[in-house]
């Protein structure tokens, strides 16, 4: 679904007004990169974490394949230290639940393990209403293409996109990416990053406007980018119970 010239002009106005930058900063505050490095300081791999307080439990969530990769490299003796943002952690000690089929893993997140500036997204109700076809949503994460390698430190920028849900099947949502049509406010003509690996585990938010109040509502997690198909797959967080577990019949 391409942006029309009217869409583009509207987004430029929202960018200049500070509305979109403020939303992006709020989205960023609910996230952190999840990465690990070897004893030389070389970063082995990275993904994205999303922080949410369901009202029952304070959680960090990511794509299960990111956590699985960490476990594989830990078992192989390749991991010296692991970090959630700027904090050293042992993810296996924080794990609450994981589901390979759904590609989601949840962790009990103590406040002392939160990076400076990171805060939990506070859900007004859990589970949130799932996404629907044609709904416009923000989705974000930390692509490895933005990563600057430094010894035992990760410099990586959050990339956020705003697009319509193309398809919904069970708990899976699909976003189509046509980079030639996407609009990057105030940056027309610049090449967008098309390598989104590392965004897995990042949040999918809807913007809810109730009277004079605008708020974000977490509705999903990014779990896969199919570059050959130009799609991003997300998983509705409605399949996660308020305590971080998964119902047995989640689809």
Protein backbone atom coordinates (compact mmCIF):
# COMPACT_ATOMS: atom_id res chain seq x y z
CA UNK A 1 0.00 0.00 0.00
CA UNK A 2 2.04 2.99 -1.26
CA UNK A 3 1.98 6.40 0.33
CA UNK A 4 0.15 9.03 -1.68
CA UNK A 5 1.58 12.55 -2.02
CA UNK A 6 -1.04 13.60 0.55
CA UNK A 7 0.24 10.92 2.97
CA UNK A 8 3.80 12.11 2.48
CA UNK A 9 2.92 15.74 3.08
CA UNK A 10 1.02 14.78 6.22
CA UNK A 11 3.92 12.76 7.58
CA UNK A 12 6.32 15.63 6.93
CA UNK A 13 4.07 17.93 8.95
CA UNK A 14 3.92 15.44 11.82
CA UNK A 15 7.71 15.09 11.70
CA UNK A 16 8.31 18.83 11.83
CA UNK A 17 5.81 19.25 14.65
CA UNK A 18 7.75 16.80 16.83
CA UNK A 19 4.84 14.34 17.04
CA UNK A 20 6.52 11.46 15.19
CA UNK A 21 9.93 11.95 16.87
CA UNK A 22 8.20 11.83 20.27
CA UNK A 23 6.43 8.58 19.36
CA UNK A 24 9.68 7.03 18.17
CA UNK A 25 11.46 7.99 21.39
CA UNK A 26 8.65 6.45 23.42
CA UNK A 27 8.84 3.24 21.37
CA UNK A 28 12.62 3.16 21.84
CA UNK A 29 12.23 3.47 25.62
CA UNK A 30 10.37 0.13 25.66
CA UNK A 31 13.17 -1.73 23.88
CA UNK A 32 16.81 -2.76 24.13
CA UNK A 33 19.25 -4.75 21.99
CA UNK A 34 19.90 -8.33 23.14
CA UNK A 35 23.48 -9.31 22.25
CA UNK A 36 26.47 -11.38 23.34
CA UNK A 37 30.18 -11.42 22.65
CA UNK A 38 33.15 -13.74 22.94
CA UNK A 39 36.27 -13.30 25.09
CA UNK A 40 37.85 -11.03 22.47
CA UNK A 41 34.92 -8.61 22.72
CA UNK A 42 33.59 -9.50 19.26
CA UNK A 43 29.79 -9.37 19.15
CA UNK A 44 28.54 -12.73 17.95
CA UNK A 45 24.87 -11.96 17.30
CA UNK A 46 22.09 -9.58 18.29
CA UNK A 47 18.33 -9.27 18.42
CA UNK A 48 15.78 -7.01 20.07
CA UNK A 49 13.97 -7.08 23.41
CA UNK A 50 10.58 -5.55 24.18
CA UNK A 51 9.64 -4.63 27.77
CA UNK A 52 6.03 -4.80 28.99
CA UNK A 53 4.24 -4.76 32.31
CA UNK A 54 1.09 -6.84 31.76
CA UNK A 55 -0.31 -5.92 35.16
CA UNK A 56 0.63 -9.39 36.45
CA UNK A 57 4.30 -9.66 35.49
CA UNK A 58 7.07 -7.43 34.21
CA UNK A 59 8.39 -9.11 31.09
CA UNK A 60 11.11 -8.88 28.49
CA UNK A 61 10.12 -10.61 25.26
CA UNK A 62 12.03 -11.55 22.15
CA UNK A 63 11.87 -13.98 19.24
CA UNK A 64 12.66 -17.52 20.38
CA UNK A 65 15.14 -18.07 17.55
CA UNK A 66 17.29 -15.24 18.96
CA UNK A 67 17.37 -16.94 22.37
CA UNK A 68 17.98 -20.33 20.70
CA UNK A 69 21.01 -18.90 18.89
CA UNK A 70 22.34 -17.60 22.22
CA UNK A 71 21.94 -21.06 23.81
CA UNK A 72 23.71 -22.76 20.89
CA UNK A 73 26.69 -20.44 21.15
CA UNK A 74 26.70 -20.70 24.94
CA UNK A 75 26.84 -24.50 24.69
CA UNK A 76 29.63 -24.20 22.12
CA UNK A 77 31.67 -22.07 24.52
CA UNK A 78 31.47 -19.00 22.27
CA UNK A 79 29.76 -16.69 24.76
CA UNK A 80 31.83 -14.74 27.25
CA UNK A 81 29.21 -12.20 28.30
CA UNK A 82 25.61 -11.41 27.35
CA UNK A 83 23.79 -8.10 27.64
CA UNK A 84 20.26 -6.74 27.67
CA UNK A 85 21.06 -3.22 26.53
CA UNK A 86 23.84 -1.94 28.78
CA UNK A 87 23.36 -4.54 31.54
CA UNK A 88 25.16 -7.88 31.86
CA UNK A 89 22.68 -10.75 32.29
CA UNK A 90 22.32 -14.52 32.18
CA UNK A 91 19.15 -14.90 30.09
CA UNK A 92 18.73 -18.56 31.01
CA UNK A 93 18.32 -17.53 34.67
CA UNK A 94 15.55 -15.06 33.73
CA UNK A 95 13.64 -17.30 31.31
CA UNK A 96 9.94 -17.76 32.03
CA UNK A 97 8.72 -19.58 28.92
CA UNK A 98 9.55 -20.19 25.27
CA UNK A 99 7.72 -21.58 22.27
CA UNK A 100 9.69 -22.54 19.18
CA UNK A 101 6.59 -22.84 17.01
CA UNK A 102 5.30 -19.38 17.93
CA UNK A 103 8.89 -18.05 17.94
CA UNK A 104 8.47 -16.13 21.18
CA UNK A 105 10.45 -16.27 24.43
CA UNK A 106 9.60 -14.44 27.66
CA UNK A 107 11.80 -13.45 30.58
CA UNK A 108 11.03 -12.20 34.08
CA UNK A 109 12.59 -8.75 34.00
CA UNK A 110 13.85 -7.27 37.28
CA UNK A 111 14.04 -3.49 37.31
CA UNK A 112 17.73 -3.65 38.26
CA UNK A 113 18.44 -5.28 34.88
CA UNK A 114 16.91 -2.38 32.92
CA UNK A 115 19.25 -0.07 31.03
CA UNK A 116 19.22 3.64 31.75
CA UNK A 117 16.29 5.21 29.92
CA UNK A 118 14.43 1.92 29.44
CA UNK A 119 10.93 1.61 30.91
CA UNK A 120 8.19 -0.99 30.78
CA UNK A 121 5.27 -0.42 28.46
CA UNK A 122 2.33 -0.52 30.84
CA UNK A 123 -0.59 -2.38 29.30
CA UNK A 124 -3.99 -0.99 30.23
CA UNK A 125 -5.45 -4.50 29.79
CA UNK A 126 -4.05 -7.90 28.89
CA UNK A 127 -4.27 -9.37 26.37
CA UNK A 128 -4.60 -6.42 23.99
CA UNK A 129 -6.95 -6.67 21.00
CA UNK A 130 -5.03 -8.41 18.20
CA UNK A 131 -4.14 -6.59 14.95
CA UNK A 132 -6.53 -6.67 12.01
CA UNK A 133 -5.98 -6.52 8.25
CA UNK A 134 -5.33 -3.01 6.89
CA UNK A 135 -4.59 -1.62 10.37
CA UNK A 136 -1.62 0.77 10.36
CA UNK A 137 0.99 -0.06 13.00
CA UNK A 138 4.51 0.91 14.07
CA UNK A 139 7.09 -1.89 14.16
CA UNK A 140 10.66 -1.45 15.27
CA UNK A 141 13.95 -3.11 16.21
CA UNK A 142 17.73 -2.92 16.11
CA UNK A 143 18.99 -4.15 12.70
CA UNK A 144 22.49 -5.57 12.67
CA UNK A 145 23.12 -3.42 9.59
CA UNK A 146 23.15 -0.40 11.95
CA UNK A 147 25.59 -2.07 14.30
CA UNK A 148 28.95 -0.47 15.00
CA UNK A 149 31.30 -2.97 16.59
CA UNK A 150 33.32 -1.90 19.56
CA UNK A 151 34.93 -4.08 22.19
CA UNK A 152 32.22 -5.38 24.58
CA UNK A 153 29.85 -2.60 23.55
CA UNK A 154 27.07 -2.34 20.99
CA UNK A 155 26.24 0.87 19.19
CA UNK A 156 23.08 0.25 17.21
CA UNK A 157 20.22 2.47 16.14
CA UNK A 158 16.53 1.71 16.43
CA UNK A 159 14.77 1.47 13.09
CA UNK A 160 11.01 2.03 13.12
CA UNK A 161 8.59 1.57 10.24
CA UNK A 162 4.91 2.44 9.92
CA UNK A 163 2.81 0.25 7.69
CA UNK A 164 -0.47 -1.51 7.12
CA UNK A 165 -1.05 -5.13 8.07
CA UNK A 166 -1.41 -7.04 4.80
CA UNK A 167 -2.63 -10.34 6.20
CA UNK A 168 -3.57 -11.97 9.51
CA UNK A 169 -3.60 -15.74 10.03
CA UNK A 170 -4.16 -16.91 13.60
CA UNK A 171 -1.63 -15.00 15.70
CA UNK A 172 0.59 -14.16 12.69
CA UNK A 173 0.51 -10.79 10.97
CA UNK A 174 2.26 -9.89 7.73
CA UNK A 175 3.61 -6.51 6.59
CA UNK A 176 4.60 -6.08 2.94
CA UNK A 177 7.70 -3.99 2.31
CA UNK A 178 8.06 -2.13 -0.95
CA UNK A 179 11.10 -0.01 -0.23
CA UNK A 180 10.65 1.93 -3.46
CA UNK A 181 7.29 3.17 -2.15
CA UNK A 182 7.98 3.60 1.56
CA UNK A 183 8.22 7.18 2.74
CA UNK A 184 10.92 8.20 5.20
CA UNK A 185 9.79 11.62 6.44
CA UNK A 186 12.20 14.46 5.62
CA UNK A 187 14.66 12.02 4.01
CA UNK A 188 13.21 11.59 0.52
CA UNK A 189 15.85 10.43 -1.91
CA UNK A 190 18.03 8.77 0.72
CA UNK A 191 18.53 5.01 0.64
CA UNK A 192 16.67 3.18 3.42
CA UNK A 193 18.25 0.25 5.18
CA UNK A 194 16.73 -2.90 3.65
CA UNK A 195 18.64 -5.40 5.84
CA UNK A 196 16.39 -5.82 8.85
CA UNK A 197 18.04 -8.85 10.49
CA UNK A 198 18.35 -8.09 14.20
CA UNK A 199 14.87 -6.57 14.46
CA UNK A 200 13.51 -9.92 15.66
CA UNK A 201 11.86 -9.46 19.05
CA UNK A 202 11.08 -5.81 18.40
CA UNK A 203 7.68 -4.34 19.26
CA UNK A 204 4.62 -3.79 17.11
CA UNK A 205 2.55 -0.88 18.44
CA UNK A 206 -0.78 0.64 17.53
CA UNK A 207 -1.48 4.29 18.27
CA UNK A 208 -4.68 4.78 20.24
CA UNK A 209 -6.25 8.21 20.44
CA UNK A 210 -8.89 8.65 23.14
CA UNK A 211 -10.09 12.22 23.23
CA UNK A 212 -7.09 14.49 23.85
CA UNK A 213 -4.82 11.60 24.90
CA UNK A 214 -2.59 9.61 22.55
CA UNK A 215 -1.08 6.38 23.81
CA UNK A 216 0.78 3.38 22.43
CA UNK A 217 -0.61 -0.14 22.75
CA UNK A 218 1.71 -3.13 22.33
CA UNK A 219 0.02 -5.64 20.01
CA UNK A 220 2.85 -7.80 18.67
CA UNK A 221 6.47 -8.75 18.22
CA UNK A 222 8.54 -8.89 15.04
CA UNK A 223 9.81 -12.43 14.52
CA UNK A 224 11.03 -12.70 10.92
CA UNK A 225 12.08 -10.65 7.92
CA UNK A 226 11.78 -12.42 4.58
CA UNK A 227 13.98 -10.28 2.31
CA UNK A 228 13.36 -12.49 -0.72
CA UNK A 229 9.60 -11.88 -0.28
CA UNK A 230 9.89 -8.29 1.00
CA UNK A 231 7.77 -9.05 4.04
CA UNK A 232 8.04 -8.75 7.82
CA UNK A 233 6.21 -11.27 10.01
CA UNK A 234 4.89 -10.37 13.44
CA UNK A 235 3.30 -12.41 16.24
CA UNK A 236 0.33 -11.08 18.21
CA UNK A 237 1.20 -10.81 21.91
CA UNK A 238 -2.35 -11.93 22.66
CA UNK A 239 -0.87 -15.47 22.65
CA UNK A 240 1.21 -14.59 25.74
CA UNK A 241 -0.53 -14.99 29.10
CA UNK A 242 -0.24 -12.15 31.61
CA UNK A 243 2.30 -14.20 33.62
CA UNK A 244 4.52 -14.75 30.57
CA UNK A 245 3.42 -18.31 29.83
CA UNK A 246 1.75 -19.61 26.66
CA UNK A 247 -1.69 -21.22 26.38
CA UNK A 248 -1.48 -24.79 25.09
CA UNK A 249 -3.61 -24.08 22.01
CA UNK A 250 -2.07 -20.83 20.85
CA UNK A 251 -1.81 -20.56 17.07
